C-alpha atoms as a PDB file:
ATOM      1  CA  UNK A   1       0.000   0.000   0.000  1.00  0.00           C
ATOM      2  CA  UNK A   2       2.876   2.392   0.786  1.00  0.00           C
ATOM      3  CA  UNK A   3       4.419   1.594  -2.586  1.00  0.00           C
ATOM      4  CA  UNK A   4       1.113   2.486  -4.275  1.00  0.00           C
ATOM      5  CA  UNK A   5       0.999   5.832  -2.428  1.00  0.00           C
ATOM      6  CA  UNK A   6       4.617   6.444  -3.470  1.00  0.00           C
ATOM      7  CA  UNK A   7       3.717   5.722  -7.096  1.00  0.00           C
ATOM      8  CA  UNK A   8       0.845   8.209  -6.909  1.00  0.00           C
ATOM      9  CA  UNK A   9       3.057  10.896  -5.353  1.00  0.00           C
ATOM     10  CA  UNK A  10       5.545  10.298  -8.188  1.00  0.00           C
ATOM     11  CA  UNK A  11       2.753  10.978 -10.673  1.00  0.00           C
ATOM     12  CA  UNK A  12       1.654  14.020  -8.662  1.00  0.00           C
ATOM     13  CA  UNK A  13       5.181  15.431  -8.800  1.00  0.00           C
ATOM     14  CA  UNK A  14       5.343  14.893 -12.556  1.00  0.00           C
ATOM     15  CA  UNK A  15       2.005  16.686 -12.942  1.00  0.00           C
ATOM     16  CA  UNK A  16       3.134  19.593 -10.741  1.00  0.00           C
ATOM     17  CA  UNK A  17       6.388  19.960 -12.684  1.00  0.00           C
ATOM     18  CA  UNK A  18       4.337  20.048 -15.910  1.00  0.00           C
ATOM     19  CA  UNK A  19       1.865  22.615 -14.489  1.00  0.00           C
ATOM     20  CA  UNK A  20      -0.893  20.030 -15.040  1.00  0.00           C
ATOM     21  CA  UNK A  21      -3.022  21.147 -12.106  1.00  0.00           C
ATOM     22  CA  UNK A  22      -6.107  19.166 -13.131  1.00  0.00           C
ATOM     23  CA  UNK A  23      -4.114  15.932 -13.110  1.00  0.00           C
ATOM     24  CA  UNK A  24      -2.521  16.901  -9.808  1.00  0.00           C
ATOM     25  CA  UNK A  25      -5.926  17.446  -8.200  1.00  0.00           C
ATOM     26  CA  UNK A  26      -7.228  14.094  -9.484  1.00  0.00           C
ATOM     27  CA  UNK A  27      -4.116  12.282  -8.276  1.00  0.00           C
ATOM     28  CA  UNK A  28      -4.308  14.024  -4.913  1.00  0.00           C
ATOM     29  CA  UNK A  29      -7.824  12.622  -4.451  1.00  0.00           C
ATOM     30  CA  UNK A  30      -6.557   9.109  -5.281  1.00  0.00           C
ATOM     31  CA  UNK A  31      -3.689   9.537  -2.856  1.00  0.00           C
ATOM     32  CA  UNK A  32      -6.020  10.641  -0.060  1.00  0.00           C
ATOM     33  CA  UNK A  33      -8.185   7.529  -0.588  1.00  0.00           C
ATOM     34  CA  UNK A  34      -5.169   5.234  -0.429  1.00  0.00           C
ATOM     35  CA  UNK A  35      -3.879   6.944   2.706  1.00  0.00           C
ATOM     36  CA  UNK A  36      -7.270   6.544   4.376  1.00  0.00           C
ATOM     37  CA  UNK A  37      -7.287   2.833   3.498  1.00  0.00           C
ATOM     38  CA  UNK A  38      -3.732   2.515   4.742  1.00  0.00           C
ATOM     39  CA  UNK A  39      -4.634   4.070   8.095  1.00  0.00           C
ATOM     40  CA  UNK A  40      -7.532   1.657   8.511  1.00  0.00           C
ATOM     41  CA  UNK A  41      -5.554  -1.438   7.559  1.00  0.00           C
ATOM     42  CA  UNK A  42      -2.351  -0.651   9.420  1.00  0.00           C
ATOM     43  CA  UNK A  43      -3.728  -0.171  12.907  1.00  0.00           C
ATOM     44  CA  UNK A  44      -1.796  -2.380  15.317  1.00  0.00           C
ATOM     45  CA  UNK A  45       0.277  -4.143  12.637  1.00  0.00           C
ATOM     46  CA  UNK A  46       3.833  -5.005  13.728  1.00  0.00           C
ATOM     47  CA  UNK A  47       6.272  -5.454  10.860  1.00  0.00           C
ATOM     48  CA  UNK A  48       9.562  -7.358  10.765  1.00  0.00           C
ATOM     49  CA  UNK A  49      12.653  -5.114  10.747  1.00  0.00           C
ATOM     50  CA  UNK A  50      13.301  -5.506   7.011  1.00  0.00           C
ATOM     51  CA  UNK A  51       9.764  -4.408   6.168  1.00  0.00           C
ATOM     52  CA  UNK A  52       9.938  -1.529   8.698  1.00  0.00           C
ATOM     53  CA  UNK A  53      13.118  -0.299   7.014  1.00  0.00           C
ATOM     54  CA  UNK A  54      11.473  -0.495   3.592  1.00  0.00           C
ATOM     55  CA  UNK A  55       8.407   1.306   4.944  1.00  0.00           C
ATOM     56  CA  UNK A  56      10.631   4.056   6.385  1.00  0.00           C
ATOM     57  CA  UNK A  57      12.434   4.525   3.042  1.00  0.00           C
ATOM     58  CA  UNK A  58       9.139   4.695   1.146  1.00  0.00           C
ATOM     59  CA  UNK A  59       7.695   7.202   3.631  1.00  0.00           C
ATOM     60  CA  UNK A  60      10.836   9.349   3.317  1.00  0.00           C
ATOM     61  CA  UNK A  61      10.422   9.386  -0.455  1.00  0.00           C
ATOM     62  CA  UNK A  62       6.723  10.249  -0.168  1.00  0.00           C
ATOM     63  CA  UNK A  63       7.581  13.139   2.156  1.00  0.00           C
ATOM     64  CA  UNK A  64      10.324  14.389  -0.194  1.00  0.00           C
ATOM     65  CA  UNK A  65       7.879  14.274  -3.122  1.00  0.00           C
ATOM     66  CA  UNK A  66       5.310  16.113  -1.001  1.00  0.00           C
ATOM     67  CA  UNK A  67       7.817  18.873  -0.139  1.00  0.00           C
ATOM     68  CA  UNK A  68       8.640  19.426  -3.809  1.00  0.00           C
ATOM     69  CA  UNK A  69       4.967  19.357  -4.822  1.00  0.00           C
ATOM     70  CA  UNK A  70       4.176  21.950  -2.138  1.00  0.00           C
ATOM     71  CA  UNK A  71       7.045  24.110  -3.311  1.00  0.00           C
ATOM     72  CA  UNK A  72       5.828  23.966  -6.915  1.00  0.00           C
ATOM     73  CA  UNK A  73       2.211  24.656  -5.983  1.00  0.00           C
ATOM     74  CA  UNK A  74       3.215  27.581  -3.752  1.00  0.00           C
ATOM     75  CA  UNK A  75       5.204  29.072  -6.634  1.00  0.00           C
ATOM     76  CA  UNK A  76       2.188  28.606  -8.925  1.00  0.00           C
ATOM     77  CA  UNK A  77      -0.068  30.297  -6.344  1.00  0.00           C
ATOM     78  CA  UNK A  78       2.280  33.299  -6.210  1.00  0.00           C
ATOM     79  CA  UNK A  79       2.208  33.552 -10.011  1.00  0.00           C
ATOM     80  CA  UNK A  80      -1.576  33.183 -10.066  1.00  0.00           C
ATOM     81  CA  UNK A  81      -1.984  35.824  -7.384  1.00  0.00           C
ATOM     82  CA  UNK A  82       0.221  38.243  -9.346  1.00  0.00           C
ATOM     83  CA  UNK A  83      -1.747  37.537 -12.522  1.00  0.00           C
ATOM     84  CA  UNK A  84      -5.074  38.117 -10.800  1.00  0.00           C
ATOM     85  CA  UNK A  85      -3.788  41.278  -9.172  1.00  0.00           C
ATOM     86  CA  UNK A  86      -2.486  42.540 -12.499  1.00  0.00           C
ATOM     87  CA  UNK A  87      -5.775  41.752 -14.223  1.00  0.00           C
ATOM     88  CA  UNK A  88      -7.714  43.517 -11.460  1.00  0.00           C
ATOM     89  CA  UNK A  89      -5.488  46.576 -11.701  1.00  0.00           C
ATOM     90  CA  UNK A  90      -5.872  46.698 -15.476  1.00  0.00           C
ATOM     91  CA  UNK A  91      -9.630  46.448 -15.131  1.00  0.00           C
ATOM     92  CA  UNK A  92      -9.724  49.270 -12.561  1.00  0.00           C
ATOM     93  CA  UNK A  93      -7.531  51.492 -14.762  1.00  0.00           C
ATOM     94  CA  UNK A  94      -9.691  50.749 -17.792  1.00  0.00           C
ATOM     95  CA  UNK A  95     -12.835  51.607 -15.866  1.00  0.00           C
ATOM     96  CA  UNK A  96     -11.290  54.769 -14.460  1.00  0.00           C
ATOM     97  CA  UNK A  97     -10.080  56.077 -17.810  1.00  0.00           C
ATOM     98  CA  UNK A  98     -12.822  54.797 -20.104  1.00  0.00           C
END
């Protein structure tokens, strides 16, 4: 299940790098479903050391992907905010001088 979440976060990162926000949103929903299932299934499960180590590596990768996705989406939000602000300013100037 962790490997599946990692695969989805890989796809999310690819979508974020490509500015494919629709795909990112769809993948984020899939990821949330898998994480919910994982929480339900994992309660009280004790893993052997080898599997715990693998789980820790996968979680580290998921968290690294998440950090980069957040960074990319924050940058996009800044750009979007500037664009909306610019559009609003242009509209106000047009209305004022029309």
